[in-house]
Amino acid sequence: MTGRRRLWQWVVVVWVILVAVAGGVTWWLEDSSEPPGPYRWENADPTPSLPEGWESACASATPDEDGRALCFVRTR
């Protein structure tokens, strides 16, 4: 019974050491890479402008009760 207990203690000690080393390596690799966070790789491109003549194309759009109208302008 004592041999089995000692074996489990060694298994637990090795597991704890393995988890600590893996956590340290993960932390080290995270610090050595680019800055964290998805906000770093997002492109903040400006909103594309509307094509010329969109005012006349949307003149017949009927607004709703809030004054908003939906208009589709197709370009190439």
Protein backbone atom coordinates (compact mmCIF):
# COMPACT_ATOMS: atom_id res chain seq x y z
CA MET A 1 0.00 0.00 0.00
CA THR A 2 2.83 2.43 0.76
CA GLY A 3 4.44 1.84 -2.66
CA ARG A 4 1.20 2.71 -4.42
CA ARG A 5 0.80 5.89 -2.38
CA ARG A 6 4.38 6.93 -3.14
CA LEU A 7 3.77 6.31 -6.86
CA TRP A 8 0.70 8.57 -6.81
CA GLN A 9 2.65 11.26 -4.98
CA TRP A 10 5.32 11.17 -7.70
CA VAL A 11 2.65 11.30 -10.40
CA VAL A 12 1.07 14.36 -8.76
CA VAL A 13 4.44 16.09 -8.30
CA VAL A 14 5.44 15.45 -11.93
CA TRP A 15 2.01 16.67 -13.11
CA VAL A 16 2.29 19.90 -11.07
CA ILE A 17 5.79 20.55 -12.40
CA LEU A 18 4.63 19.87 -15.97
CA VAL A 19 1.69 22.26 -15.61
CA ALA A 20 3.94 24.98 -14.14
CA VAL A 21 6.53 24.61 -16.92
CA ALA A 22 3.85 24.59 -19.64
CA GLY A 23 2.26 27.72 -18.15
CA GLY A 24 5.63 29.46 -18.01
CA VAL A 25 6.42 28.54 -21.62
CA THR A 26 3.00 29.75 -22.73
CA TRP A 27 3.47 33.05 -20.91
CA TRP A 28 6.97 33.46 -22.39
CA LEU A 29 5.75 32.75 -25.93
CA GLU A 30 2.80 35.13 -25.50
CA ASP A 31 5.14 37.94 -24.41
CA SER A 32 7.48 37.37 -27.33
CA SER A 33 4.77 37.56 -29.99
CA GLU A 34 2.84 40.55 -31.29
CA PRO A 35 0.70 42.52 -28.82
CA PRO A 36 -2.28 40.47 -27.63
CA GLY A 37 -5.89 41.14 -28.48
CA PRO A 38 -7.96 40.92 -31.61
CA TYR A 39 -8.17 44.70 -31.82
CA ARG A 40 -4.59 44.77 -33.06
CA TRP A 41 -5.26 43.00 -36.38
CA GLU A 42 -8.55 44.60 -37.33
CA ASN A 43 -8.41 46.99 -40.26
CA ALA A 44 -10.03 50.33 -39.66
CA ASP A 45 -10.66 51.19 -43.30
CA PRO A 46 -12.75 54.29 -43.93
CA THR A 47 -16.38 53.82 -44.93
CA PRO A 48 -16.64 53.73 -48.72
CA SER A 49 -18.26 56.78 -50.22
CA LEU A 50 -21.59 56.62 -52.03
CA PRO A 51 -21.48 56.67 -55.82
CA GLU A 52 -22.28 59.85 -57.72
CA GLY A 53 -25.97 60.31 -58.46
CA TRP A 54 -27.23 58.37 -55.47
CA GLU A 55 -29.48 61.26 -54.43
CA SER A 56 -31.49 61.08 -57.64
CA ALA A 57 -31.58 57.26 -57.55
CA CYS A 58 -33.03 57.31 -54.03
CA ALA A 59 -35.43 60.23 -54.54
CA SER A 60 -38.42 57.91 -54.96
CA ALA A 61 -37.73 55.95 -51.74
CA THR A 62 -40.66 56.26 -49.33
CA PRO A 63 -39.55 57.00 -45.76
CA ASP A 64 -41.06 55.13 -42.80
CA GLU A 65 -42.64 56.77 -39.74
CA ASP A 66 -39.17 57.59 -38.35
CA GLY A 67 -38.11 59.32 -41.56
CA ARG A 68 -35.73 56.56 -42.65
CA ALA A 69 -35.72 55.23 -46.20
CA LEU A 70 -34.04 52.18 -47.70
CA CYS A 71 -32.40 52.56 -51.07
CA PHE A 72 -30.21 50.11 -53.00
CA VAL A 73 -27.62 51.53 -55.38
CA ARG A 74 -25.92 48.97 -57.60
CA THR A 75 -22.52 49.75 -59.08
CA ARG A 76 -20.01 47.66 -60.94
